[in-house]
Structures are given as C-alpha cells and as structure tokens.
Amino acid sequence: MYELRVHSLRKYFKTQLLALGVQPDYVDYMVGHTVDIYHDIQMKGVEFLRNIYAGSDLSIKPKTRVSKIDALKGIIRAWGLNPEQILTREALTQGAAVYTSPNDL
C-alpha cells in the first residue's frame, strides 16, 4: 500500500487533467502555482475554471462500464425508437418480410 499524502493527490490531479487535455497553465493555476498569465486566468473567474474542470470529467472513482446491450439500447433511443420493441426475442427470431413484387403485398 502507498502512503497517501497531499502532494500525491496534487500530482494525481495535475497528471490526470493534463492527460485529459486541459491547458497546462490552467492546471498549474488550479494547483496553486504562479504562472506567467496568472492575472489573465484570474480575470476569467472561478466559474470559467469550474467549467473546464467539469468538462474534463475527472474522477477518482473508476468509470462504470456499460454492457453492450445497454449501449445498443442507448443508440436505438438516440434514433428515436423504442429498444424494447426492437430487441425482443420474438422480433429477433422472426424472419424479415421480403416482397419481390407489388402483388406479394
């Protein structure tokens, strides 16, 4: 086991934000370092930095994984359809209706 220290949390925070694509000057400002554009960042306000942090989706907890079926249901919902009607066992076992001519209708 590792000993958890404040410096470890700061290092984790900085490393993860940089890996997620946040600008290094913003990350340095967030961890309390004085940067060249300190006043420019400070003038943008706290809400600006909060939005950058929230947009990075940084979390200490592991991300929940979605099963393939749930992901498929999400795609079907995004298309505006009902996944429960489409993904029923009956619908999957029935063959598709194929019409070769207008008389077959």
PDB file of N, CA and C in Angstrom:
ATOM      1  N   MET A   1       0.841  -1.186   0.000  1.00  0.00           N
ATOM      2  CA  MET A   1       0.000   0.000   0.000  1.00  0.00           C
ATOM      3  C   MET A   1       0.879   1.239   0.000  1.00  0.00           C
ATOM      4  N   TYR A   2       0.395   2.238  -0.691  1.00  0.00           N
ATOM      5  CA  TYR A   2       1.090   3.517  -0.728  1.00  0.00           C
ATOM      6  C   TYR A   2       0.580   4.405   0.400  1.00  0.00           C
ATOM      7  N   GLU A   3       1.467   5.260   0.884  1.00  0.00           N
ATOM      8  CA  GLU A   3       1.056   6.236   1.877  1.00  0.00           C
ATOM      9  C   GLU A   3       0.472   7.425   1.130  1.00  0.00           C
ATOM     10  N   LEU A   4      -0.745   7.781   1.465  1.00  0.00           N
ATOM     11  CA  LEU A   4      -1.425   8.866   0.781  1.00  0.00           C
ATOM     12  C   LEU A   4      -1.045  10.196   1.409  1.00  0.00           C
ATOM     13  N   ARG A   5      -0.560  11.095   0.592  1.00  0.00           N
ATOM     14  CA  ARG A   5      -0.167  12.423   1.048  1.00  0.00           C
ATOM     15  C   ARG A   5      -0.816  13.468   0.150  1.00  0.00           C
ATOM     16  N   VAL A   6      -0.842  14.698   0.649  1.00  0.00           N
ATOM     17  CA  VAL A   6      -1.434  15.790  -0.119  1.00  0.00           C
ATOM     18  C   VAL A   6      -0.703  15.959  -1.448  1.00  0.00           C
ATOM     19  N   HIS A   7       0.606  15.854  -1.419  1.00  0.00           N
ATOM     20  CA  HIS A   7       1.376  16.005  -2.652  1.00  0.00           C
ATOM     21  C   HIS A   7       0.985  14.934  -3.672  1.00  0.00           C
ATOM     22  N   SER A   8       0.697  13.729  -3.204  1.00  0.00           N
ATOM     23  CA  SER A   8       0.276  12.651  -4.113  1.00  0.00           C
ATOM     24  C   SER A   8      -1.043  13.002  -4.792  1.00  0.00           C
ATOM     25  N   LEU A   9      -1.983  13.562  -4.035  1.00  0.00           N
ATOM     26  CA  LEU A   9      -3.269  13.954  -4.611  1.00  0.00           C
ATOM     27  C   LEU A   9      -3.093  15.079  -5.631  1.00  0.00           C
ATOM     28  N   ARG A  10      -2.234  16.054  -5.292  1.00  0.00           N
ATOM     29  CA  ARG A  10      -1.973  17.158  -6.228  1.00  0.00           C
ATOM     30  C   ARG A  10      -1.339  16.638  -7.512  1.00  0.00           C
ATOM     31  N   LYS A  11      -0.390  15.733  -7.367  1.00  0.00           N
ATOM     32  CA  LYS A  11       0.293  15.162  -8.535  1.00  0.00           C
ATOM     33  C   LYS A  11      -0.697  14.369  -9.397  1.00  0.00           C
ATOM     34  N   TYR A  12      -1.562  13.578  -8.765  1.00  0.00           N
ATOM     35  CA  TYR A  12      -2.585  12.819  -9.483  1.00  0.00           C
ATOM     36  C   TYR A  12      -3.508  13.779 -10.232  1.00  0.00           C
ATOM     37  N   PHE A  13      -3.986  14.804  -9.545  1.00  0.00           N
ATOM     38  CA  PHE A  13      -4.886  15.800 -10.122  1.00  0.00           C
ATOM     39  C   PHE A  13      -4.243  16.440 -11.351  1.00  0.00           C
ATOM     40  N   LYS A  14      -2.992  16.877 -11.211  1.00  0.00           N
ATOM     41  CA  LYS A  14      -2.300  17.550 -12.303  1.00  0.00           C
ATOM     42  C   LYS A  14      -2.065  16.594 -13.479  1.00  0.00           C
ATOM     43  N   THR A  15      -1.580  15.410 -13.199  1.00  0.00           N
ATOM     44  CA  THR A  15      -1.288  14.436 -14.252  1.00  0.00           C
ATOM     45  C   THR A  15      -2.541  14.056 -15.019  1.00  0.00           C
ATOM     46  N   GLN A  16      -3.633  13.816 -14.313  1.00  0.00           N
ATOM     47  CA  GLN A  16      -4.870  13.393 -14.969  1.00  0.00           C
ATOM     48  C   GLN A  16      -5.472  14.507 -15.812  1.00  0.00           C
ATOM     49  N   LEU A  17      -5.474  15.741 -15.288  1.00  0.00           N
ATOM     50  CA  LEU A  17      -6.022  16.846 -16.069  1.00  0.00           C
ATOM     51  C   LEU A  17      -5.209  17.095 -17.341  1.00  0.00           C
ATOM     52  N   LEU A  18      -3.890  17.000 -17.225  1.00  0.00           N
ATOM     53  CA  LEU A  18      -3.055  17.174 -18.416  1.00  0.00           C
ATOM     54  C   LEU A  18      -3.325  16.067 -19.429  1.00  0.00           C
ATOM     55  N   ALA A  19      -3.506  14.844 -18.944  1.00  0.00           N
ATOM     56  CA  ALA A  19      -3.790  13.717 -19.835  1.00  0.00           C
ATOM     57  C   ALA A  19      -5.152  13.871 -20.511  1.00  0.00           C
ATOM     58  N   LEU A  20      -6.079  14.560 -19.848  1.00  0.00           N
ATOM     59  CA  LEU A  20      -7.413  14.766 -20.412  1.00  0.00           C
ATOM     60  C   LEU A  20      -7.473  15.979 -21.338  1.00  0.00           C
ATOM     61  N   GLY A  21      -6.326  16.654 -21.519  1.00  0.00           N
ATOM     62  CA  GLY A  21      -6.259  17.728 -22.499  1.00  0.00           C
ATOM     63  C   GLY A  21      -6.487  19.131 -21.980  1.00  0.00           C
ATOM     64  N   VAL A  22      -6.480  19.331 -20.664  1.00  0.00           N
ATOM     65  CA  VAL A  22      -6.648  20.667 -20.109  1.00  0.00           C
ATOM     66  C   VAL A  22      -5.330  21.419 -20.271  1.00  0.00           C
ATOM     67  N   GLN A  23      -5.411  22.703 -20.608  1.00  0.00           N
ATOM     68  CA  GLN A  23      -4.214  23.516 -20.825  1.00  0.00           C
ATOM     69  C   GLN A  23      -3.328  23.525 -19.583  1.00  0.00           C
ATOM     70  N   PRO A  24      -2.024  23.362 -19.749  1.00  0.00           N
ATOM     71  CA  PRO A  24      -1.107  23.318 -18.599  1.00  0.00           C
ATOM     72  C   PRO A  24      -1.150  24.560 -17.713  1.00  0.00           C
ATOM     73  N   ASP A  25      -1.353  25.746 -18.290  1.00  0.00           N
ATOM     74  CA  ASP A  25      -1.420  26.956 -17.468  1.00  0.00           C
ATOM     75  C   ASP A  25      -2.629  26.927 -16.535  1.00  0.00           C
ATOM     76  N   TYR A  26      -3.757  26.424 -17.027  1.00  0.00           N
ATOM     77  CA  TYR A  26      -4.949  26.322 -16.183  1.00  0.00           C
ATOM     78  C   TYR A  26      -4.731  25.312 -15.060  1.00  0.00           C
ATOM     79  N   VAL A  27      -4.096  24.198 -15.382  1.00  0.00           N
ATOM     80  CA  VAL A  27      -3.843  23.170 -14.371  1.00  0.00           C
ATOM     81  C   VAL A  27      -2.899  23.710 -13.298  1.00  0.00           C
ATOM     82  N   ASP A  28      -1.839  24.376 -13.711  1.00  0.00           N
ATOM     83  CA  ASP A  28      -0.906  24.946 -12.741  1.00  0.00           C
ATOM     84  C   ASP A  28      -1.600  25.961 -11.846  1.00  0.00           C
ATOM     85  N   TYR A  29      -2.472  26.762 -12.419  1.00  0.00           N
ATOM     86  CA  TYR A  29      -3.222  27.744 -11.617  1.00  0.00           C
ATOM     87  C   TYR A  29      -4.122  27.028 -10.616  1.00  0.00           C
ATOM     88  N   MET A  30      -4.778  25.951 -11.054  1.00  0.00           N
ATOM     89  CA  MET A  30      -5.693  25.212 -10.163  1.00  0.00           C
ATOM     90  C   MET A  30      -4.958  24.587  -8.984  1.00  0.00           C
ATOM     91  N   VAL A  31      -3.714  24.159  -9.176  1.00  0.00           N
ATOM     92  CA  VAL A  31      -2.973  23.539  -8.070  1.00  0.00           C
ATOM     93  C   VAL A  31      -2.212  24.573  -7.247  1.00  0.00           C
ATOM     94  N   GLY A  32      -2.363  25.862  -7.575  1.00  0.00           N
ATOM     95  CA  GLY A  32      -1.799  26.905  -6.751  1.00  0.00           C
ATOM     96  C   GLY A  32      -0.460  27.447  -7.181  1.00  0.00           C
ATOM     97  N   HIS A  33       0.008  27.073  -8.358  1.00  0.00           N
ATOM     98  CA  HIS A  33       1.278  27.611  -8.843  1.00  0.00           C
ATOM     99  C   HIS A  33       1.065  28.990  -9.457  1.00  0.00           C
ATOM    100  N   THR A  34       2.073  29.828  -9.396  1.00  0.00           N
ATOM    101  CA  THR A  34       2.034  31.121 -10.066  1.00  0.00           C
ATOM    102  C   THR A  34       2.521  30.918 -11.487  1.00  0.00           C
ATOM    103  N   VAL A  35       1.701  31.314 -12.438  1.00  0.00           N
ATOM    104  CA  VAL A  35       2.045  31.122 -13.845  1.00  0.00           C
ATOM    105  C   VAL A  35       2.222  32.477 -14.511  1.00  0.00           C
ATOM    106  N   ASP A  36       2.807  32.478 -15.711  1.00  0.00           N
ATOM    107  CA  ASP A  36       3.071  33.723 -16.431  1.00  0.00           C
ATOM    108  C   ASP A  36       1.796  34.521 -16.695  1.00  0.00           C
ATOM    109  N   ILE A  37       0.718  33.836 -17.004  1.00  0.00           N
ATOM    110  CA  ILE A  37      -0.527  34.530 -17.322  1.00  0.00           C
ATOM    111  C   ILE A  37      -1.499  34.476 -16.134  1.00  0.00           C
ATOM    112  N   TYR A  38      -0.959  34.591 -14.925  1.00  0.00           N
ATOM    113  CA  TYR A  38      -1.726  34.468 -13.687  1.00  0.00           C
ATOM    114  C   TYR A  38      -2.939  35.396 -13.684  1.00  0.00           C
ATOM    115  N   HIS A  39      -2.720  36.663 -14.000  1.00  0.00           N
ATOM    116  CA  HIS A  39      -3.814  37.636 -13.928  1.00  0.00           C
ATOM    117  C   HIS A  39      -4.850  37.403 -15.026  1.00  0.00           C
ATOM    118  N   ASP A  40      -4.408  36.917 -16.172  1.00  0.00           N
ATOM    119  CA  ASP A  40      -5.364  36.618 -17.241  1.00  0.00           C
ATOM    120  C   ASP A  40      -6.304  35.489 -16.829  1.00  0.00           C
ATOM    121  N   ILE A  41      -5.758  34.484 -16.185  1.00  0.00           N
ATOM    122  CA  ILE A  41      -6.585  33.363 -15.735  1.00  0.00           C
ATOM    123  C   ILE A  41      -7.486  33.804 -14.591  1.00  0.00           C
ATOM    124  N   GLN A  42      -6.941  34.583 -13.665  1.00  0.00           N
ATOM    125  CA  GLN A  42      -7.718  35.046 -12.517  1.00  0.00           C
ATOM    126  C   GLN A  42      -8.879  35.932 -12.965  1.00  0.00           C
ATOM    127  N   MET A  43      -8.681  36.732 -14.008  1.00  0.00           N
ATOM    128  CA  MET A  43      -9.737  37.627 -14.500  1.00  0.00           C
ATOM    129  C   MET A  43     -10.887  36.848 -15.126  1.00  0.00           C
ATOM    130  N   LYS A  44     -10.641  35.637 -15.606  1.00  0.00           N
ATOM    131  CA  LYS A  44     -11.712  34.840 -16.217  1.00  0.00           C
ATOM    132  C   LYS A  44     -12.702  34.341 -15.174  1.00  0.00           C
ATOM    133  N   GLY A  45     -12.271  34.263 -13.935  1.00  0.00           N
ATOM    134  CA  GLY A  45     -13.176  33.914 -12.849  1.00  0.00           C
ATOM    135  C   GLY A  45     -13.187  32.436 -12.503  1.00  0.00           C
ATOM    136  N   VAL A  46     -13.761  32.185 -11.348  1.00  0.00           N
ATOM    137  CA  VAL A  46     -13.811  30.830 -10.808  1.00  0.00           C
ATOM    138  C   VAL A  46     -14.729  29.941 -11.645  1.00  0.00           C
ATOM    139  N   GLU A  47     -15.843  30.481 -12.115  1.00  0.00           N
ATOM    140  CA  GLU A  47     -16.793  29.669 -12.887  1.00  0.00           C
ATOM    141  C   GLU A  47     -16.168  29.155 -14.184  1.00  0.00           C
ATOM    142  N   PHE A  48     -15.308  29.961 -14.792  1.00  0.00           N
ATOM    143  CA  PHE A  48     -14.619  29.535 -16.009  1.00  0.00           C
ATOM    144  C   PHE A  48     -13.775  28.292 -15.726  1.00  0.00           C
ATOM    145  N   LEU A  49     -13.019  28.321 -14.631  1.00  0.00           N
ATOM    146  CA  LEU A  49     -12.182  27.173 -14.269  1.00  0.00           C
ATOM    147  C   LEU A  49     -13.025  25.980 -13.829  1.00  0.00           C
ATOM    148  N   ARG A  50     -14.117  26.233 -13.157  1.00  0.00           N
ATOM    149  CA  ARG A  50     -15.016  25.131 -12.761  1.00  0.00           C
ATOM    150  C   ARG A  50     -15.570  24.420 -13.990  1.00  0.00           C
ATOM    151  N   ASN A  51     -15.915  25.196 -15.010  1.00  0.00           N
ATOM    152  CA  ASN A  51     -16.434  24.588 -16.239  1.00  0.00           C
ATOM    153  C   ASN A  51     -15.363  23.756 -16.944  1.00  0.00           C
ATOM    154  N   ILE A  52     -14.129  24.237 -16.920  1.00  0.00           N
ATOM    155  CA  ILE A  52     -13.038  23.458 -17.515  1.00  0.00           C
ATOM    156  C   ILE A  52     -12.858  22.157 -16.744  1.00  0.00           C
ATOM    157  N   TYR A  53     -12.874  22.243 -15.426  1.00  0.00           N
ATOM    158  CA  TYR A  53     -12.718  21.048 -14.592  1.00  0.00           C
ATOM    159  C   TYR A  53     -13.879  20.079 -14.813  1.00  0.00           C
ATOM    160  N   ALA A  54     -15.099  20.594 -14.825  1.00  0.00           N
ATOM    161  CA  ALA A  54     -16.269  19.733 -15.024  1.00  0.00           C
ATOM    162  C   ALA A  54     -16.242  19.099 -16.411  1.00  0.00           C
ATOM    163  N   GLY A  55     -15.783  19.841 -17.400  1.00  0.00           N
ATOM    164  CA  GLY A  55     -15.717  19.321 -18.762  1.00  0.00           C
ATOM    165  C   GLY A  55     -14.671  18.227 -18.942  1.00  0.00           C
ATOM    166  N   SER A  56     -13.670  18.212 -18.059  1.00  0.00           N
ATOM    167  CA  SER A  56     -12.627  17.185 -18.172  1.00  0.00           C
ATOM    168  C   SER A  56     -13.122  15.824 -17.701  1.00  0.00           C
ATOM    169  N   ASP A  57     -14.194  15.805 -16.895  1.00  0.00           N
ATOM    170  CA  ASP A  57     -14.797  14.563 -16.381  1.00  0.00           C
ATOM    171  C   ASP A  57     -13.801  13.745 -15.557  1.00  0.00           C
ATOM    172  N   LEU A  58     -12.989  14.432 -14.761  1.00  0.00           N
ATOM    173  CA  LEU A  58     -12.014  13.769 -13.892  1.00  0.00           C
ATOM    174  C   LEU A  58     -12.727  13.181 -12.687  1.00  0.00           C
ATOM    175  N   SER A  59     -12.379  11.958 -12.327  1.00  0.00           N
ATOM    176  CA  SER A  59     -12.982  11.289 -11.181  1.00  0.00           C
ATOM    177  C   SER A  59     -11.990  10.319 -10.575  1.00  0.00           C
ATOM    178  N   ILE A  60     -12.000  10.221  -9.264  1.00  0.00           N
ATOM    179  CA  ILE A  60     -11.138   9.253  -8.586  1.00  0.00           C
ATOM    180  C   ILE A  60     -11.748   7.857  -8.706  1.00  0.00           C
ATOM    181  N   LYS A  61     -13.069   7.801  -8.714  1.00  0.00           N
ATOM    182  CA  LYS A  61     -13.748   6.514  -8.829  1.00  0.00           C
ATOM    183  C   LYS A  61     -13.625   5.979 -10.252  1.00  0.00           C
ATOM    184  N   PRO A  62     -13.539   4.667 -10.419  1.00  0.00           N
ATOM    185  CA  PRO A  62     -13.483   4.113 -11.769  1.00  0.00           C
ATOM    186  C   PRO A  62     -14.798   4.363 -12.507  1.00  0.00           C
ATOM    187  N   LYS A  63     -14.703   4.561 -13.786  1.00  0.00           N
ATOM    188  CA  LYS A  63     -15.888   4.803 -14.604  1.00  0.00           C
ATOM    189  C   LYS A  63     -16.706   3.517 -14.705  1.00  0.00           C
ATOM    190  N   THR A  64     -18.016   3.661 -14.638  1.00  0.00           N
ATOM    191  CA  THR A  64     -18.881   2.496 -14.765  1.00  0.00           C
ATOM    192  C   THR A  64     -18.907   2.067 -16.225  1.00  0.00           C
ATOM    193  N   ARG A  65     -18.824   0.797 -16.433  1.00  0.00           N
ATOM    194  CA  ARG A  65     -18.837   0.265 -17.793  1.00  0.00           C
ATOM    195  C   ARG A  65     -20.248  -0.143 -18.163  1.00  0.00           C
ATOM    196  N   VAL A  66     -20.613   0.186 -19.356  1.00  0.00           N
ATOM    197  CA  VAL A  66     -21.943  -0.132 -19.855  1.00  0.00           C
ATOM    198  C   VAL A  66     -21.848  -1.413 -20.677  1.00  0.00           C
ATOM    199  N   SER A  67     -22.806  -2.316 -20.461  1.00  0.00           N
ATOM    200  CA  SER A  67     -22.805  -3.559 -21.238  1.00  0.00           C
ATOM    201  C   SER A  67     -23.124  -3.249 -22.700  1.00  0.00           C
ATOM    202  N   LYS A  68     -22.826  -4.181 -23.559  1.00  0.00           N
ATOM    203  CA  LYS A  68     -23.050  -3.977 -24.990  1.00  0.00           C
ATOM    204  C   LYS A  68     -24.537  -3.819 -25.307  1.00  0.00           C
ATOM    205  N   ILE A  69     -25.367  -4.561 -24.597  1.00  0.00           N
ATOM    206  CA  ILE A  69     -26.814  -4.458 -24.817  1.00  0.00           C
ATOM    207  C   ILE A  69     -27.306  -3.080 -24.412  1.00  0.00           C
ATOM    208  N   ASP A  70     -26.838  -2.572 -23.250  1.00  0.00           N
ATOM    209  CA  ASP A  70     -27.249  -1.243 -22.806  1.00  0.00           C
ATOM    210  C   ASP A  70     -26.759  -0.165 -23.760  1.00  0.00           C
ATOM    211  N   ALA A  71     -25.556  -0.335 -24.299  1.00  0.00           N
ATOM    212  CA  ALA A  71     -25.032   0.623 -25.268  1.00  0.00           C
ATOM    213  C   ALA A  71     -25.879   0.603 -26.539  1.00  0.00           C
ATOM    214  N   LEU A  72     -26.273  -0.594 -26.970  1.00  0.00           N
ATOM    215  CA  LEU A  72     -27.126  -0.727 -28.150  1.00  0.00           C
ATOM    216  C   LEU A  72     -28.486  -0.075 -27.912  1.00  0.00           C
ATOM    217  N   LYS A  73     -29.043  -0.270 -26.721  1.00  0.00           N
ATOM    218  CA  LYS A  73     -30.320   0.365 -26.385  1.00  0.00           C
ATOM    219  C   LYS A  73     -30.191   1.885 -26.418  1.00  0.00           C
ATOM    220  N   GLY A  74     -29.056   2.401 -25.950  1.00  0.00           N
ATOM    221  CA  GLY A  74     -28.829   3.845 -25.988  1.00  0.00           C
ATOM    222  C   GLY A  74     -28.780   4.384 -27.405  1.00  0.00           C
ATOM    223  N   ILE A  75     -28.166   3.631 -28.304  1.00  0.00           N
ATOM    224  CA  ILE A  75     -28.104   4.043 -29.712  1.00  0.00           C
ATOM    225  C   ILE A  75     -29.506   4.052 -30.317  1.00  0.00           C
ATOM    226  N   ILE A  76     -30.276   3.019 -30.009  1.00  0.00           N
ATOM    227  CA  ILE A  76     -31.636   2.926 -30.553  1.00  0.00           C
ATOM    228  C   ILE A  76     -32.493   4.073 -30.032  1.00  0.00           C
ATOM    229  N   ARG A  77     -32.340   4.416 -28.737  1.00  0.00           N
ATOM    230  CA  ARG A  77     -33.074   5.559 -28.178  1.00  0.00           C
ATOM    231  C   ARG A  77     -32.657   6.861 -28.850  1.00  0.00           C
ATOM    232  N   ALA A  78     -31.377   6.995 -29.158  1.00  0.00           N
ATOM    233  CA  ALA A  78     -30.889   8.204 -29.829  1.00  0.00           C
ATOM    234  C   ALA A  78     -31.503   8.351 -31.217  1.00  0.00           C
ATOM    235  N   TRP A  79     -31.855   7.249 -31.845  1.00  0.00           N
ATOM    236  CA  TRP A  79     -32.514   7.285 -33.147  1.00  0.00           C
ATOM    237  C   TRP A  79     -34.002   7.602 -33.019  1.00  0.00           C
ATOM    238  N   GLY A  80     -34.499   7.666 -31.784  1.00  0.00           N
ATOM    239  CA  GLY A  80     -35.901   7.982 -31.562  1.00  0.00           C
ATOM    240  C   GLY A  80     -36.815   6.778 -31.591  1.00  0.00           C
ATOM    241  N   LEU A  81     -36.269   5.584 -31.411  1.00  0.00           N
ATOM    242  CA  LEU A  81     -37.069   4.355 -31.439  1.00  0.00           C
ATOM    243  C   LEU A  81     -37.119   3.748 -30.048  1.00  0.00           C
ATOM    244  N   ASN A  82     -38.022   2.794 -29.869  1.00  0.00           N
ATOM    245  CA  ASN A  82     -38.166   2.101 -28.590  1.00  0.00           C
ATOM    246  C   ASN A  82     -37.362   0.805 -28.637  1.00  0.00           C
ATOM    247  N   PRO A  83     -36.289   0.703 -27.843  1.00  0.00           N
ATOM    248  CA  PRO A  83     -35.462  -0.508 -27.888  1.00  0.00           C
ATOM    249  C   PRO A  83     -36.184  -1.757 -27.408  1.00  0.00           C
ATOM    250  N   GLU A  84     -37.182  -1.603 -26.539  1.00  0.00           N
ATOM    251  CA  GLU A  84     -37.902  -2.765 -26.028  1.00  0.00           C
ATOM    252  C   GLU A  84     -38.705  -3.445 -27.142  1.00  0.00           C
ATOM    253  N   GLN A  85     -39.198  -2.663 -28.099  1.00  0.00           N
ATOM    254  CA  GLN A  85     -39.936  -3.244 -29.216  1.00  0.00           C
ATOM    255  C   GLN A  85     -38.987  -3.876 -30.234  1.00  0.00           C
ATOM    256  N   ILE A  86     -37.846  -3.270 -30.412  1.00  0.00           N
ATOM    257  CA  ILE A  86     -36.920  -3.739 -31.434  1.00  0.00           C
ATOM    258  C   ILE A  86     -36.124  -4.954 -30.970  1.00  0.00           C
ATOM    259  N   LEU A  87     -35.717  -4.958 -29.706  1.00  0.00           N
ATOM    260  CA  LEU A  87     -34.832  -6.003 -29.207  1.00  0.00           C
ATOM    261  C   LEU A  87     -35.553  -7.132 -28.472  1.00  0.00           C
ATOM    262  N   THR A  88     -36.766  -7.439 -28.864  1.00  0.00           N
ATOM    263  CA  THR A  88     -37.468  -8.558 -28.233  1.00  0.00           C
ATOM    264  C   THR A  88     -37.026  -9.857 -28.885  1.00  0.00           C
ATOM    265  N   ARG A  89     -37.131 -10.936 -28.152  1.00  0.00           N
ATOM    266  CA  ARG A  89     -36.728 -12.245 -28.667  1.00  0.00           C
ATOM    267  C   ARG A  89     -37.587 -12.630 -29.873  1.00  0.00           C
ATOM    268  N   GLU A  90     -38.870 -12.252 -29.851  1.00  0.00           N
ATOM    269  CA  GLU A  90     -39.764 -12.550 -30.962  1.00  0.00           C
ATOM    270  C   GLU A  90     -39.303 -11.867 -32.241  1.00  0.00           C
ATOM    271  N   ALA A  91     -38.956 -10.599 -32.133  1.00  0.00           N
ATOM    272  CA  ALA A  91     -38.530  -9.837 -33.307  1.00  0.00           C
ATOM    273  C   ALA A  91     -37.231 -10.384 -33.872  1.00  0.00           C
ATOM    274  N   LEU A  92     -36.355 -10.877 -33.008  1.00  0.00           N
ATOM    275  CA  LEU A  92     -35.083 -11.402 -33.480  1.00  0.00           C
ATOM    276  C   LEU A  92     -35.228 -12.776 -34.124  1.00  0.00           C
ATOM    277  N   THR A  93     -36.242 -13.551 -33.722  1.00  0.00           N
ATOM    278  CA  THR A  93     -36.415 -14.894 -34.274  1.00  0.00           C
ATOM    279  C   THR A  93     -37.241 -14.897 -35.553  1.00  0.00           C
ATOM    280  N   GLN A  94     -38.065 -13.864 -35.755  1.00  0.00           N
ATOM    281  CA  GLN A  94     -38.878 -13.820 -36.975  1.00  0.00           C
ATOM    282  C   GLN A  94     -38.012 -13.380 -38.147  1.00  0.00           C
ATOM    283  N   GLY A  95     -38.285 -13.965 -39.259  1.00  0.00           N
ATOM    284  CA  GLY A  95     -37.576 -13.575 -40.472  1.00  0.00           C
ATOM    285  C   GLY A  95     -38.087 -12.241 -40.986  1.00  0.00           C
ATOM    286  N   ALA A  96     -37.287 -11.578 -41.750  1.00  0.00           N
ATOM    287  CA  ALA A  96     -37.714 -10.302 -42.327  1.00  0.00           C
ATOM    288  C   ALA A  96     -38.693 -10.577 -43.460  1.00  0.00           C
ATOM    289  N   ALA A  97     -39.711  -9.748 -43.597  1.00  0.00           N
ATOM    290  CA  ALA A  97     -40.691  -9.901 -44.675  1.00  0.00           C
ATOM    291  C   ALA A  97     -40.083  -9.324 -45.946  1.00  0.00           C
ATOM    292  N   VAL A  98     -39.982 -10.146 -46.961  1.00  0.00           N
ATOM    293  CA  VAL A  98     -39.383  -9.715 -48.223  1.00  0.00           C
ATOM    294  C   VAL A  98     -40.479  -9.762 -49.295  1.00  0.00           C
ATOM    295  N   TYR A  99     -40.651  -8.654 -49.986  1.00  0.00           N
ATOM    296  CA  TYR A  99     -41.604  -8.584 -51.058  1.00  0.00           C
ATOM    297  C   TYR A  99     -40.871  -8.476 -52.370  1.00  0.00           C
ATOM    298  N   THR A 100     -41.184  -9.387 -53.279  1.00  0.00           N
ATOM    299  CA  THR A 100     -40.495  -9.370 -54.581  1.00  0.00           C
ATOM    300  C   THR A 100     -41.257  -8.596 -55.621  1.00  0.00           C
ATOM    301  N   SER A 101     -42.571  -8.446 -55.402  1.00  0.00           N
ATOM    302  CA  SER A 101     -43.389  -7.698 -56.372  1.00  0.00           C
ATOM    303  C   SER A 101     -44.545  -7.041 -55.636  1.00  0.00           C
ATOM    304  N   PRO A 102     -45.192  -6.067 -56.261  1.00  0.00           N
ATOM    305  CA  PRO A 102     -46.356  -5.432 -55.618  1.00  0.00           C
ATOM    306  C   PRO A 102     -47.495  -6.411 -55.343  1.00  0.00           C
ATOM    307  N   ASN A 103     -47.577  -7.505 -56.084  1.00  0.00           N
ATOM    308  CA  ASN A 103     -48.652  -8.489 -55.869  1.00  0.00           C
ATOM    309  C   ASN A 103     -48.467  -9.240 -54.551  1.00  0.00           C
ATOM    310  N   ASP A 104     -47.210  -9.352 -54.060  1.00  0.00           N
ATOM    311  CA  ASP A 104     -46.962 -10.056 -52.824  1.00  0.00           C
ATOM    312  C   ASP A 104     -47.502  -9.314 -51.611  1.00  0.00           C
ATOM    313  N   LEU A 105     -47.650  -7.993 -51.722  1.00  0.00           N
ATOM    314  CA  LEU A 105     -48.179  -7.215 -50.599  1.00  0.00           C
ATOM    315  C   LEU A 105     -49.574  -7.650 -50.278  1.00  0.00           C
TER     316      LEU A 105
END
